Amino acid sequence: MATVGAVAAALAEFAPPALAEAWDNVGLLVGDPAAGVGRVLCALDVTDAVLDEALALGAELVVAFHPPLFRPVARVRADVLESRLAWRAARAGVALYATHTALDNRQPGTSDFLAAALGVSVDGVLAPRTLPGPVKLVVFCPREATERVAASLAEAGAGVIGDYEACSFRVAGTGAFRPLPGAQPTIGAVGALEQVAEDRLEMLVPRPRLDAVTAALRAAHPYEEVAYDVYAREAEPAGGMGRLGRLAAPLALSELARRCEEALGARCVRFVGAGARRVSRVALVGGSGASYAAAAAAAGAEVLVTGDVKHHDALLATKLGLALVDPGHFAGERPVVGETAAWLRRRLPALAIDESRVDGEPFALVGSRADAPEGKTG
């Protein structure tokens, strides 16, 4: 049986926590990493109904998009609103994991899934970002110790490049040193200049692993004083929020709104602009992204598809000449659930992976769609 920690590690590949916004709370929020998992339930939100569903299915882990613990809490109690669901999940032995903005910023991520559902071919990032890349560790080793040191560094997390691990580069050379009084040299004698055949060993190290890697270096290296350097590297592109893309053929704005309704199962789709206006260049932000209207217009988008559009957002978009289509927050992020489940099925095929059938749009409408069951709005 897999463990909560193993599933969390797979999810960290799907939505790397380093990509999350600084204000967000992603990753394993409730649970024991060593606990066993045989069934996982994927949902957009953790609600009482979703927890009931998890318990009925026998799921030991709920993977949600939105974090059930968002802001810091001072106490975890059943009678405190902010922590009640976390307390209930913990009591029932159900772990909780959240992806949120880590998945928003990943490529492919939340807005890519929205684009795919709407038939938009993505060709750019609306708000690209960069992150500091891994550092380069350079250490000088006596030749007979190089393999042992390299293996220890790899074990601590160094040397990963894409789908390869234990990556290193070595250059042979000569190290020279004279031990001073008080030194206890592994090679040579105090006061005597020593020359040793050494290797220059280079490996990339993820910044979060640097302390662990340097500790492993000191433990594995035979010298009393370890000579090593850490070099910072340029920031690397790391996805970003929102996407830019193009429809296969221009659509009337009203038809794009209809496509959102049908493809996303949206209960109510609003749009800003003339319904007959034909659009092809599209910006998308899954969830709540009206604040990106100016960026979308500057990028040449004719329409922004996003949720939670407010009155003043609509007025600004009109001034910018930008059309808006608002399928709602839930509908715009809904594709995330299926994509998360599909990832886990591929990555951990021995697990049973379910998609929530009760997780749904919190809003009800007056009219024909008001009686649609939650989670069954399409």
Protein backbone atom coordinates (compact mmCIF):
# COMPACT_ATOMS: atom_id res chain seq x y z
CA MET A 1 0.00 0.00 0.00
CA ALA A 2 1.19 3.51 -0.80
CA THR A 3 1.66 6.09 1.93
CA VAL A 4 0.33 9.61 2.31
CA GLY A 5 3.91 10.80 1.90
CA ALA A 6 4.32 8.92 -1.39
CA VAL A 7 1.12 10.44 -2.79
CA ALA A 8 2.22 13.87 -1.56
CA ALA A 9 5.55 13.42 -3.37
CA ALA A 10 3.72 12.59 -6.60
CA LEU A 11 1.48 15.62 -6.17
CA ALA A 12 4.55 17.81 -5.58
CA GLU A 13 5.64 16.84 -9.10
CA PHE A 14 2.19 17.67 -10.48
CA ALA A 15 1.95 21.02 -8.66
CA PRO A 16 5.42 21.95 -7.31
CA PRO A 17 4.95 23.84 -4.01
CA ALA A 18 7.81 26.19 -4.97
CA LEU A 19 5.53 27.63 -7.67
CA ALA A 20 2.82 28.66 -5.19
CA GLU A 21 2.27 32.32 -4.38
CA ALA A 22 3.90 33.47 -1.14
CA TRP A 23 0.50 34.10 0.49
CA ASP A 24 -0.85 30.64 -0.32
CA ASN A 25 -0.94 27.43 1.71
CA VAL A 26 -0.35 24.31 -0.38
CA GLY A 27 0.90 20.77 0.13
CA LEU A 28 0.01 18.24 2.81
CA LEU A 29 -2.01 20.24 5.34
CA VAL A 30 -3.49 17.47 7.49
CA GLY A 31 -2.30 13.91 7.97
CA ASP A 32 0.50 11.49 8.75
CA PRO A 33 2.97 11.03 5.86
CA ALA A 34 3.63 7.47 7.05
CA ALA A 35 -0.05 6.45 7.01
CA GLY A 36 -1.22 4.02 4.35
CA VAL A 37 -3.41 5.06 1.42
CA GLY A 38 -5.48 2.81 -0.80
CA ARG A 39 -8.04 5.32 -2.08
CA VAL A 40 -7.88 9.03 -2.92
CA LEU A 41 -10.76 11.44 -3.53
CA CYS A 42 -10.13 14.49 -5.74
CA ALA A 43 -12.28 17.61 -5.32
CA LEU A 44 -12.17 21.35 -5.80
CA ASP A 45 -13.10 22.15 -2.19
CA VAL A 46 -13.11 20.36 1.15
CA THR A 47 -16.65 20.60 2.52
CA ASP A 48 -18.65 18.50 4.95
CA ALA A 49 -20.30 16.82 1.96
CA VAL A 50 -16.90 15.98 0.43
CA LEU A 51 -15.65 14.57 3.75
CA ASP A 52 -18.81 12.49 4.04
CA GLU A 53 -18.17 11.21 0.54
CA ALA A 54 -14.54 10.35 1.37
CA LEU A 55 -15.61 8.41 4.45
CA ALA A 56 -18.31 6.56 2.51
CA LEU A 57 -15.76 5.58 -0.16
CA GLY A 58 -13.10 4.62 2.38
CA ALA A 59 -10.68 7.25 1.04
CA GLU A 60 -7.76 8.02 3.32
CA LEU A 61 -6.75 11.19 1.44
CA VAL A 62 -8.66 14.09 -0.11
CA VAL A 63 -6.75 16.07 -2.74
CA ALA A 64 -8.40 19.49 -3.04
CA PHE A 65 -7.56 22.45 -5.20
CA HIS A 66 -8.48 25.08 -2.59
CA PRO A 67 -6.69 24.77 0.76
CA PRO A 68 -9.04 23.96 3.65
CA LEU A 69 -6.57 25.74 5.95
CA PHE A 70 -5.75 29.03 4.30
CA ARG A 71 -4.86 31.58 6.96
CA PRO A 72 -2.91 30.67 10.12
CA VAL A 73 -5.09 29.37 12.94
CA ALA A 74 -4.29 29.71 16.62
CA ARG A 75 -6.23 26.61 17.66
CA VAL A 76 -7.60 23.47 16.02
CA ARG A 77 -11.00 22.76 17.51
CA ALA A 78 -14.29 21.29 16.40
CA ASP A 79 -16.16 24.45 17.41
CA VAL A 80 -13.88 26.91 15.59
CA LEU A 81 -15.05 27.65 12.06
CA GLU A 82 -11.59 28.02 10.50
CA SER A 83 -10.30 24.68 11.79
CA ARG A 84 -13.47 22.59 12.10
CA LEU A 85 -13.07 20.66 8.84
CA ALA A 86 -9.38 19.99 9.49
CA TRP A 87 -10.25 18.69 12.96
CA ARG A 88 -12.98 16.48 11.56
CA ALA A 89 -10.69 15.07 8.85
CA ALA A 90 -7.90 14.38 11.35
CA ARG A 91 -10.27 12.65 13.75
CA ALA A 92 -11.48 10.42 10.91
CA GLY A 93 -7.95 9.62 9.70
CA VAL A 94 -8.42 11.44 6.39
CA ALA A 95 -5.41 13.40 5.15
CA LEU A 96 -5.88 16.67 3.24
CA TYR A 97 -3.66 17.97 0.43
CA ALA A 98 -4.07 21.23 -1.54
CA THR A 99 -2.54 22.31 -4.88
CA HIS A 100 -4.06 25.79 -5.52
CA THR A 101 -1.65 28.43 -6.89
CA ALA A 102 1.14 25.86 -7.27
CA LEU A 103 -1.04 24.38 -10.01
CA ASP A 104 -2.12 27.81 -11.27
CA ASN A 105 1.50 28.73 -12.00
CA ARG A 106 2.59 25.36 -13.34
CA GLN A 107 2.76 24.55 -17.06
CA PRO A 108 0.47 22.88 -17.86
CA GLY A 109 -1.74 24.07 -15.04
CA THR A 110 -5.17 25.40 -14.12
CA SER A 111 -5.58 27.83 -17.03
CA ASP A 112 -4.19 25.30 -19.53
CA PHE A 113 -6.88 22.85 -18.45
CA LEU A 114 -9.50 25.56 -18.89
CA ALA A 115 -8.13 26.37 -22.36
CA ALA A 116 -8.23 22.73 -23.41
CA ALA A 117 -11.85 22.42 -22.30
CA LEU A 118 -12.77 25.45 -24.44
CA GLY A 119 -10.75 24.50 -27.51
CA VAL A 120 -8.18 27.27 -27.11
CA SER A 121 -4.63 26.55 -28.28
CA VAL A 122 -2.25 28.03 -25.71
CA ASP A 123 0.78 29.92 -27.00
CA GLY A 124 1.81 32.11 -24.07
CA VAL A 125 1.61 32.97 -20.37
CA LEU A 126 -0.45 36.00 -19.39
CA ALA A 127 1.63 36.90 -16.32
CA PRO A 128 4.93 34.99 -16.62
CA ARG A 129 7.21 34.62 -13.65
CA THR A 130 10.72 33.45 -12.90
CA LEU A 131 12.15 31.65 -9.91
CA PRO A 132 15.74 31.30 -8.72
CA GLY A 133 17.10 28.16 -10.32
CA PRO A 134 19.20 25.51 -8.60
CA VAL A 135 22.66 26.50 -7.40
CA LYS A 136 25.85 24.87 -8.60
CA LEU A 137 27.98 23.17 -5.95
CA VAL A 138 31.68 22.76 -6.77
CA VAL A 139 33.83 20.68 -4.44
CA PHE A 140 37.41 19.45 -4.66
CA CYS A 141 37.96 15.80 -3.65
CA PRO A 142 40.97 13.51 -3.44
CA ARG A 143 40.47 11.20 -6.41
CA GLU A 144 39.88 8.06 -4.37
CA ALA A 145 36.99 9.76 -2.52
CA THR A 146 35.18 11.32 -5.51
CA GLU A 147 32.71 8.48 -6.10
CA ARG A 148 31.78 8.27 -2.42
CA VAL A 149 31.25 12.03 -2.16
CA ALA A 150 29.23 12.19 -5.38
CA ALA A 151 26.99 9.33 -4.22
CA SER A 152 26.36 11.04 -0.87
CA LEU A 153 25.50 14.34 -2.56
CA ALA A 154 23.08 12.58 -4.92
CA GLU A 155 21.46 10.79 -2.00
CA ALA A 156 20.89 14.18 -0.34
CA GLY A 157 19.18 15.59 -3.44
CA ALA A 158 21.97 16.97 -5.64
CA GLY A 159 22.44 16.20 -9.31
CA VAL A 160 18.85 16.10 -10.58
CA ILE A 161 18.37 17.49 -14.10
CA GLY A 162 14.93 16.88 -15.59
CA ASP A 163 14.33 13.14 -15.70
CA TYR A 164 17.93 12.32 -14.77
CA GLU A 165 19.53 11.94 -11.36
CA ALA A 166 23.10 11.65 -10.01
CA CYS A 167 24.27 14.08 -12.72
CA SER A 168 27.77 15.45 -12.18
CA PHE A 169 30.80 16.80 -14.01
CA ARG A 170 34.38 16.04 -13.01
CA VAL A 171 37.72 17.57 -14.00
CA ALA A 172 41.04 16.11 -12.85
CA GLY A 173 43.66 18.41 -11.35
CA THR A 174 46.12 18.90 -8.54
CA GLY A 175 45.31 20.32 -5.12
CA ALA A 176 48.05 21.94 -3.04
CA PHE A 177 48.06 22.86 0.65
CA ARG A 178 50.38 23.25 3.67
CA PRO A 179 48.85 22.19 7.05
CA LEU A 180 49.50 24.74 9.81
CA PRO A 181 50.19 23.96 13.48
CA GLY A 182 47.02 22.63 15.10
CA ALA A 183 45.74 21.00 11.89
CA GLN A 184 45.05 17.29 11.74
CA PRO A 185 45.48 16.58 8.02
CA THR A 186 44.09 13.44 6.44
CA ILE A 187 46.91 13.59 3.90
CA GLY A 188 50.34 15.16 4.44
CA ALA A 189 52.15 16.56 7.48
CA VAL A 190 52.05 19.83 9.41
CA GLY A 191 54.41 22.38 7.87
CA ALA A 192 54.98 20.45 4.65
CA LEU A 193 53.56 21.56 1.29
CA GLU A 194 51.48 18.71 -0.08
CA GLN A 195 50.21 18.12 -3.62
CA VAL A 196 47.33 15.70 -4.16
CA ALA A 197 45.59 14.36 -7.26
CA GLU A 198 42.06 15.74 -6.90
CA ASP A 199 38.84 15.99 -8.88
CA ARG A 200 36.75 19.11 -9.29
CA LEU A 201 33.22 17.74 -8.80
CA GLU A 202 30.24 19.86 -9.94
CA MET A 203 26.56 19.15 -9.24
CA LEU A 204 23.35 21.17 -9.36
CA VAL A 205 21.47 21.50 -6.08
CA PRO A 206 17.84 22.63 -5.60
CA ARG A 207 17.95 25.64 -3.28
CA PRO A 208 15.69 24.02 -0.65
CA ARG A 209 18.11 21.07 -0.48
CA LEU A 210 21.33 23.08 -0.14
CA ASP A 211 21.68 22.75 3.66
CA ALA A 212 21.07 18.98 3.53
CA VAL A 213 23.52 18.58 0.63
CA THR A 214 26.32 20.56 2.29
CA ALA A 215 25.80 18.57 5.49
CA ALA A 216 26.14 15.35 3.47
CA LEU A 217 29.26 16.79 1.82
CA ARG A 218 30.96 17.44 5.14
CA ALA A 219 30.05 13.98 6.40
CA ALA A 220 31.34 12.16 3.30
CA HIS A 221 34.44 14.20 2.47
CA PRO A 222 37.69 12.88 4.01
CA TYR A 223 39.38 16.26 4.53
CA GLU A 224 39.35 18.16 7.81
CA GLU A 225 38.64 21.39 5.87
CA VAL A 226 36.40 20.91 2.84
CA ALA A 227 37.04 23.29 -0.05
CA TYR A 228 33.80 23.97 -1.91
CA ASP A 229 31.98 26.82 -3.65
CA VAL A 230 28.29 27.52 -4.22
CA TYR A 231 27.42 29.51 -7.34
CA ALA A 232 24.05 31.20 -7.85
CA ARG A 233 22.51 30.77 -11.29
CA GLU A 234 20.21 33.06 -13.25
CA ALA A 235 16.50 32.94 -12.54
CA GLU A 236 14.63 30.48 -14.73
CA PRO A 237 11.16 30.77 -16.31
CA ALA A 238 8.63 29.09 -14.04
CA GLY A 239 5.21 29.29 -15.65
CA GLY A 240 2.99 31.99 -14.28
CA MET A 241 -0.64 33.00 -13.88
CA GLY A 242 -3.10 32.82 -16.76
CA ARG A 243 -2.65 31.81 -20.38
CA LEU A 244 -2.89 33.35 -23.84
CA GLY A 245 -4.15 31.43 -26.80
CA ARG A 246 -6.24 31.34 -29.93
CA LEU A 247 -9.46 29.71 -31.00
CA ALA A 248 -9.30 27.48 -34.07
CA ALA A 249 -11.76 29.86 -35.76
CA PRO A 250 -13.26 33.17 -34.63
CA LEU A 251 -16.43 32.89 -32.54
CA ALA A 252 -19.12 35.37 -31.67
CA LEU A 253 -18.72 36.41 -28.04
CA SER A 254 -22.14 34.96 -27.24
CA GLU A 255 -21.09 31.64 -28.78
CA LEU A 256 -17.94 31.56 -26.68
CA ALA A 257 -20.11 32.13 -23.61
CA ARG A 258 -22.35 29.25 -24.73
CA ARG A 259 -19.27 27.05 -25.16
CA CYS A 260 -18.24 27.86 -21.58
CA GLU A 261 -21.69 26.83 -20.37
CA GLU A 262 -21.62 23.53 -22.22
CA ALA A 263 -17.96 22.56 -21.78
CA LEU A 264 -17.67 23.56 -18.12
CA GLY A 265 -21.18 22.77 -16.93
CA ALA A 266 -21.53 26.36 -15.77
CA ARG A 267 -24.88 27.29 -14.22
CA CYS A 268 -24.65 30.92 -15.26
CA VAL A 269 -22.32 32.51 -17.79
CA ARG A 270 -22.12 36.32 -18.02
CA PHE A 271 -20.29 38.28 -20.68
CA VAL A 272 -19.26 41.88 -21.22
CA GLY A 273 -19.28 43.19 -24.77
CA ALA A 274 -21.41 42.93 -27.88
CA GLY A 275 -22.67 39.37 -28.28
CA ALA A 276 -22.09 39.47 -32.04
CA ARG A 277 -18.47 40.58 -31.68
CA ARG A 278 -16.18 37.92 -33.13
CA VAL A 279 -13.12 37.00 -31.09
CA SER A 280 -10.21 34.66 -31.63
CA ARG A 281 -7.37 35.85 -29.38
CA VAL A 282 -8.21 34.70 -25.86
CA ALA A 283 -6.73 35.22 -22.38
CA LEU A 284 -7.78 32.79 -19.66
CA VAL A 285 -7.42 32.78 -15.89
CA GLY A 286 -9.07 29.87 -14.12
CA GLY A 287 -10.87 30.95 -10.95
CA SER A 288 -10.78 34.65 -10.09
CA GLY A 289 -8.70 36.68 -12.55
CA ALA A 290 -10.43 39.93 -13.44
CA SER A 291 -7.42 41.79 -12.02
CA TYR A 292 -5.51 40.61 -15.12
CA ALA A 293 -7.78 42.55 -17.52
CA ALA A 294 -5.18 45.26 -18.25
CA ALA A 295 -2.48 42.63 -18.82
CA ALA A 296 -4.80 40.72 -21.16
CA ALA A 297 -5.57 43.83 -23.20
CA ALA A 298 -1.88 44.76 -23.36
CA ALA A 299 -1.08 41.27 -24.62
CA GLY A 300 -3.48 41.68 -27.51
CA ALA A 301 -6.29 39.51 -26.19
CA GLU A 302 -9.76 40.30 -27.46
CA VAL A 303 -11.53 38.52 -24.62
CA LEU A 304 -10.64 37.38 -21.09
CA VAL A 305 -12.32 34.26 -19.75
CA THR A 306 -12.31 34.25 -15.95
CA GLY A 307 -14.58 34.15 -12.92
CA ASP A 308 -15.74 36.50 -10.16
CA VAL A 309 -16.01 39.56 -12.42
CA LYS A 310 -17.25 42.60 -10.48
CA HIS A 311 -19.08 45.68 -11.71
CA HIS A 312 -16.00 47.88 -11.82
CA ASP A 313 -13.99 45.11 -13.52
CA ALA A 314 -16.60 45.13 -16.29
CA LEU A 315 -16.39 48.90 -16.65
CA LEU A 316 -12.58 48.79 -16.84
CA ALA A 317 -12.65 46.06 -19.47
CA THR A 318 -15.08 48.13 -21.54
CA LYS A 319 -12.68 51.10 -21.41
CA LEU A 320 -9.84 48.80 -22.49
CA GLY A 321 -11.85 47.43 -25.41
CA LEU A 322 -11.62 43.97 -23.88
CA ALA A 323 -14.55 41.57 -23.84
CA LEU A 324 -15.12 39.39 -20.78
CA VAL A 325 -16.70 35.97 -20.34
CA ASP A 326 -17.41 34.93 -16.75
CA PRO A 327 -18.42 31.26 -16.30
CA GLY A 328 -18.03 31.53 -12.52
CA HIS A 329 -15.21 30.63 -10.18
CA PHE A 330 -16.16 26.98 -9.71
CA ALA A 331 -16.76 26.23 -13.39
CA GLY A 332 -13.49 27.86 -14.48
CA GLU A 333 -11.48 25.65 -12.13
CA ARG A 334 -13.59 22.53 -12.49
CA PRO A 335 -11.28 20.86 -15.08
CA VAL A 336 -8.57 20.72 -12.40
CA VAL A 337 -10.32 17.84 -10.63
CA GLY A 338 -10.25 15.49 -13.60
CA GLU A 339 -6.68 16.43 -14.49
CA THR A 340 -5.50 15.80 -10.93
CA ALA A 341 -7.20 12.41 -10.87
CA ALA A 342 -5.72 11.49 -14.26
CA TRP A 343 -2.21 12.42 -13.07
CA LEU A 344 -2.52 10.27 -9.97
CA ARG A 345 -3.89 7.31 -11.97
CA ARG A 346 -0.86 7.46 -14.26
CA ARG A 347 1.65 8.06 -11.47
CA LEU A 348 0.23 5.64 -8.87
CA PRO A 349 -1.80 3.03 -10.79
CA ALA A 350 -2.23 0.78 -7.75
CA LEU A 351 -4.36 3.40 -5.99
CA ALA A 352 -8.10 3.82 -6.41
CA ILE A 353 -8.68 7.42 -7.52
CA ASP A 354 -12.16 8.95 -7.37
CA GLU A 355 -13.50 12.32 -8.54
CA SER A 356 -16.00 13.89 -6.17
CA ARG A 357 -19.64 13.62 -7.20
CA VAL A 358 -20.91 16.00 -4.52
CA ASP A 359 -18.40 18.84 -4.88
CA GLY A 360 -20.28 21.57 -6.70
CA GLU A 361 -21.18 25.15 -7.45
CA PRO A 362 -22.25 26.86 -4.20
CA PHE A 363 -24.62 29.25 -5.96
CA ALA A 364 -28.21 28.45 -6.87
CA LEU A 365 -30.20 30.27 -9.54
CA VAL A 366 -33.80 31.20 -10.05
CA GLY A 367 -34.82 29.38 -13.21
CA SER A 368 -34.36 26.17 -15.09
CA ARG A 369 -30.95 25.27 -13.67
CA ALA A 370 -31.72 26.07 -10.03
CA ASP A 371 -32.70 22.50 -9.19
CA ALA A 372 -29.65 20.87 -10.77
CA PRO A 373 -27.90 18.62 -8.21
CA GLU A 374 -24.60 19.89 -6.86
CA GLY A 375 -21.71 18.62 -8.93
CA LYS A 376 -24.10 17.79 -11.80
CA THR A 377 -24.58 21.16 -13.41
CA GLY A 378 -23.63 20.21 -16.96
